[in-house]
Amino acid sequence: MTDRKILPIIHYLKSFAPLDKRQVSLIASLAKIVSYSRHDWLLTEGAYCDGMYFLNTGMVRTVFGQEDKEVTVWVTLPHHFLTSTYSYIKRKPSMIGLQAISKAELIWFEREDIRYLYREIPVLRDISLSIMNDYYIELERLYIFCLAQSAKQRYANLYTHFPDHFMKVPLKYLASMIHVKPETLSRIRRMQQGKGFPLSNLDKAAVLNIINRI
């Protein structure tokens, strides 16, 4: 029987293509369950990343820079892969860090185990390509909304394009993601709430219209 902690990644992979029992068993045999506490570093900037994580529970942020100049580039939510793509592919020191911002449980795959799985389960290459396509689509959307002219527009874009992040990620990390000061984001939220404008079930145009009235 497959360990229940492996089920999230199996369900995720099966959403792209079918996997038989032998393939599932092989994936499970190479998966390593790891846990981190809040503020623990999965990867530090400058270290080498020789594998890939799948996030079961919790949240992990991608960080660039150090101390007071660090920027939260992204926050990964459950049931997604994460790694330092540059370090993993180029085998060079990572330019980013990965830090748990809550208690987190992940599945870890070593580089050589991933290569072995690709050989034994060829469909995983197609699945990997689909996952990378989705990743770069999200990355492009993130770039576009971060280039919006005003803090209010970036706030609206965050809500309409990444609603799960809007609801779950702590305010200071959201503010860093959209390049505004935490107090600015907090002020917009307070004004929006004070005027009785819940943002649930609204499209971008409606959100912008509400925010522009604040």
Protein backbone atom coordinates (compact mmCIF):
# COMPACT_ATOMS: atom_id res chain seq x y z
CA MET A 1 0.00 0.00 0.00
CA THR A 2 1.30 3.46 -0.90
CA ASP A 3 2.22 5.69 2.07
CA ARG A 4 -0.57 8.26 2.49
CA LYS A 5 2.06 11.02 2.57
CA ILE A 6 2.98 10.14 -1.01
CA LEU A 7 -0.62 10.33 -2.25
CA PRO A 8 -0.64 14.12 -2.94
CA ILE A 9 2.20 13.88 -5.46
CA ILE A 10 0.71 10.76 -7.05
CA HIS A 11 -2.64 12.50 -7.49
CA TYR A 12 -0.87 15.55 -8.89
CA LEU A 13 1.13 13.52 -11.43
CA LYS A 14 -1.95 11.52 -12.42
CA SER A 15 -3.73 14.78 -13.26
CA PHE A 16 -1.36 14.98 -16.25
CA ALA A 17 -1.19 11.31 -17.31
CA PRO A 18 -2.17 7.83 -16.03
CA LEU A 19 0.30 5.87 -13.89
CA ASP A 20 0.04 2.14 -13.20
CA LYS A 21 0.70 0.43 -9.86
CA ARG A 22 4.29 -0.47 -10.73
CA GLN A 23 5.08 3.13 -11.65
CA VAL A 24 3.44 4.48 -8.50
CA SER A 25 5.38 1.98 -6.38
CA LEU A 26 8.66 3.00 -8.02
CA ILE A 27 8.03 6.70 -7.42
CA ALA A 28 7.08 6.02 -3.79
CA SER A 29 10.24 3.95 -3.22
CA LEU A 30 12.47 6.91 -4.13
CA ALA A 31 10.50 9.64 -2.38
CA LYS A 32 11.86 10.98 0.91
CA ILE A 33 9.51 12.71 3.35
CA VAL A 34 11.10 15.75 5.02
CA SER A 35 9.69 18.28 7.47
CA TYR A 36 10.70 21.85 8.30
CA SER A 37 9.66 24.29 10.99
CA ARG A 38 8.71 27.90 10.36
CA HIS A 39 11.72 30.00 9.26
CA ASP A 40 13.85 26.91 8.48
CA TRP A 41 15.87 27.15 5.28
CA LEU A 42 15.43 24.38 2.71
CA LEU A 43 18.10 26.01 0.55
CA THR A 44 20.34 29.01 1.15
CA GLU A 45 21.56 31.40 -1.52
CA GLY A 46 24.93 30.20 -2.82
CA ALA A 47 24.34 26.54 -1.96
CA TYR A 48 23.93 23.81 -4.57
CA CYS A 49 20.51 22.32 -5.23
CA ASP A 50 20.79 18.65 -6.22
CA GLY A 51 17.15 17.68 -6.26
CA MET A 52 13.55 18.76 -6.26
CA TYR A 53 10.83 19.19 -3.64
CA PHE A 54 7.09 18.63 -3.80
CA LEU A 55 5.19 20.56 -1.13
CA ASN A 56 2.61 18.50 0.75
CA THR A 57 1.61 20.99 3.43
CA GLY A 58 2.62 24.49 4.52
CA MET A 59 4.14 27.37 2.57
CA VAL A 60 7.67 28.02 1.28
CA ARG A 61 8.93 31.32 -0.07
CA THR A 62 11.53 31.90 -2.76
CA VAL A 63 13.92 34.61 -1.56
CA PHE A 64 16.44 36.79 -3.36
CA GLY A 65 18.96 38.99 -1.53
CA GLN A 66 19.94 39.03 2.12
CA GLU A 67 18.77 40.54 5.41
CA ASP A 68 17.09 43.95 5.05
CA LYS A 69 17.40 43.90 1.24
CA GLU A 70 15.83 40.50 0.63
CA VAL A 71 12.83 40.18 -1.68
CA THR A 72 10.19 37.45 -1.62
CA VAL A 73 9.96 36.49 -5.27
CA TRP A 74 7.26 33.86 -4.87
CA VAL A 75 5.44 31.77 -2.27
CA THR A 76 4.79 28.13 -3.10
CA LEU A 77 1.52 26.69 -1.82
CA PRO A 78 0.77 22.97 -1.29
CA HIS A 79 0.79 20.45 -4.14
CA HIS A 80 3.42 22.14 -6.28
CA PHE A 81 7.07 21.42 -7.06
CA LEU A 82 9.86 23.77 -6.06
CA THR A 83 13.61 23.95 -6.52
CA SER A 84 16.31 26.37 -7.61
CA THR A 85 15.88 25.85 -11.34
CA TYR A 86 19.17 27.58 -12.17
CA SER A 87 21.21 25.57 -9.67
CA TYR A 88 19.51 22.28 -10.50
CA ILE A 89 19.93 22.57 -14.27
CA LYS A 90 23.30 24.35 -14.43
CA ARG A 91 24.82 22.63 -11.37
CA LYS A 92 25.94 26.01 -10.08
CA PRO A 93 25.38 27.83 -6.76
CA SER A 94 21.79 28.89 -6.27
CA MET A 95 20.89 32.54 -6.79
CA ILE A 96 17.84 32.20 -4.53
CA GLY A 97 16.96 30.76 -1.14
CA LEU A 98 13.99 28.63 -0.12
CA GLN A 99 12.53 29.24 3.34
CA ALA A 100 9.54 27.70 5.11
CA ILE A 101 7.15 30.41 6.33
CA SER A 102 5.05 27.87 8.19
CA LYS A 103 5.49 24.31 9.35
CA ALA A 104 5.98 22.38 6.11
CA GLU A 105 6.03 18.78 4.96
CA LEU A 106 7.66 18.02 1.62
CA ILE A 107 8.69 15.15 -0.59
CA TRP A 108 12.33 15.24 -1.75
CA PHE A 109 13.79 13.57 -4.83
CA GLU A 110 17.54 13.41 -5.47
CA ARG A 111 18.81 14.36 -8.93
CA GLU A 112 19.96 10.82 -9.76
CA ASP A 113 16.66 9.36 -8.59
CA ILE A 114 14.81 11.75 -10.90
CA ARG A 115 17.00 10.69 -13.82
CA TYR A 116 16.31 7.06 -12.97
CA LEU A 117 12.55 7.69 -12.88
CA TYR A 118 12.72 9.36 -16.29
CA ARG A 119 14.39 6.25 -17.71
CA GLU A 120 12.00 3.80 -16.08
CA ILE A 121 8.80 5.84 -16.55
CA PRO A 122 9.15 7.74 -19.86
CA VAL A 123 5.77 9.46 -19.46
CA LEU A 124 7.27 11.42 -16.56
CA ARG A 125 9.25 13.43 -19.11
CA ASP A 126 6.01 14.56 -20.74
CA ILE A 127 4.52 15.32 -17.33
CA SER A 128 7.62 17.31 -16.41
CA LEU A 129 7.31 19.35 -19.61
CA SER A 130 3.67 20.14 -18.84
CA ILE A 131 4.58 21.21 -15.30
CA MET A 132 7.37 23.46 -16.60
CA ASN A 133 4.99 25.02 -19.14
CA ASP A 134 2.53 25.84 -16.35
CA TYR A 135 5.37 27.23 -14.24
CA TYR A 136 6.56 29.62 -16.94
CA ILE A 137 3.01 30.76 -17.69
CA GLU A 138 2.57 31.67 -14.02
CA LEU A 139 5.99 33.34 -13.99
CA GLU A 140 5.07 35.50 -16.98
CA ARG A 141 1.79 36.50 -15.35
CA LEU A 142 3.69 37.42 -12.18
CA TYR A 143 6.12 39.61 -14.13
CA ILE A 144 3.28 41.37 -15.92
CA PHE A 145 1.25 42.21 -12.84
CA CYS A 146 4.35 43.36 -10.94
CA LEU A 147 4.96 45.90 -13.71
CA ALA A 148 1.56 47.55 -13.19
CA GLN A 149 1.96 51.27 -12.54
CA SER A 150 0.38 51.70 -9.12
CA ALA A 151 0.22 49.79 -5.84
CA LYS A 152 -3.56 49.61 -6.19
CA GLN A 153 -3.28 48.00 -9.62
CA ARG A 154 -0.76 45.46 -8.35
CA TYR A 155 -3.07 44.72 -5.43
CA ALA A 156 -5.97 44.12 -7.84
CA ASN A 157 -3.82 41.94 -10.08
CA LEU A 158 -2.70 39.87 -7.12
CA TYR A 159 -6.29 39.25 -6.09
CA THR A 160 -7.61 38.38 -9.54
CA HIS A 161 -4.67 36.28 -10.80
CA PHE A 162 -3.52 34.63 -7.56
CA PRO A 163 -6.56 34.44 -5.25
CA ASP A 164 -5.14 31.57 -3.16
CA HIS A 165 -2.05 33.62 -2.40
CA PHE A 166 -4.19 36.64 -1.60
CA MET A 167 -6.13 34.66 1.03
CA LYS A 168 -3.35 32.51 2.55
CA VAL A 169 0.05 34.23 2.36
CA PRO A 170 1.06 36.56 5.24
CA LEU A 171 0.81 40.26 4.40
CA LYS A 172 4.53 41.07 4.57
CA TYR A 173 5.36 38.42 1.97
CA LEU A 174 2.54 39.52 -0.33
CA ALA A 175 3.83 43.09 -0.10
CA SER A 176 7.32 41.97 -1.06
CA MET A 177 5.99 39.94 -4.00
CA ILE A 178 4.21 42.94 -5.54
CA HIS A 179 6.92 45.45 -4.58
CA VAL A 180 4.99 47.65 -2.19
CA LYS A 181 5.64 48.49 1.44
CA PRO A 182 3.72 46.30 3.92
CA GLU A 183 2.09 49.38 5.43
CA THR A 184 0.84 50.41 1.96
CA LEU A 185 -0.76 47.02 1.39
CA SER A 186 -2.18 47.03 4.91
CA ARG A 187 -3.64 50.52 4.38
CA ILE A 188 -5.34 49.50 1.12
CA ARG A 189 -6.83 46.46 2.82
CA ARG A 190 -8.07 48.47 5.80
CA MET A 191 -9.68 51.07 3.55
CA GLN A 192 -11.28 48.39 1.39
CA GLN A 193 -12.65 46.58 4.44
CA GLY A 194 -13.72 49.81 6.12
CA LYS A 195 -15.82 50.77 3.12
CA GLY A 196 -17.52 47.39 3.14
CA PHE A 197 -16.08 46.08 -0.12
CA PRO A 198 -15.45 42.33 0.23
CA LEU A 199 -13.39 41.23 -2.75
CA SER A 200 -14.78 37.72 -3.11
CA ASN A 201 -16.17 36.70 -6.49
CA LEU A 202 -15.13 39.90 -8.27
CA ASP A 203 -13.23 40.17 -11.54
CA LYS A 204 -10.24 42.46 -12.07
CA ALA A 205 -12.29 45.34 -13.49
CA ALA A 206 -14.63 45.28 -10.49
CA VAL A 207 -11.73 45.13 -8.03
CA LEU A 208 -9.98 48.07 -9.71
CA ASN A 209 -13.21 50.05 -9.70
CA ILE A 210 -13.62 49.46 -5.96
CA ILE A 211 -9.98 50.22 -5.13
CA ASN A 212 -10.03 53.42 -7.19
CA ARG A 213 -12.95 54.62 -5.06
CA ILE A 214 -10.92 54.19 -1.87
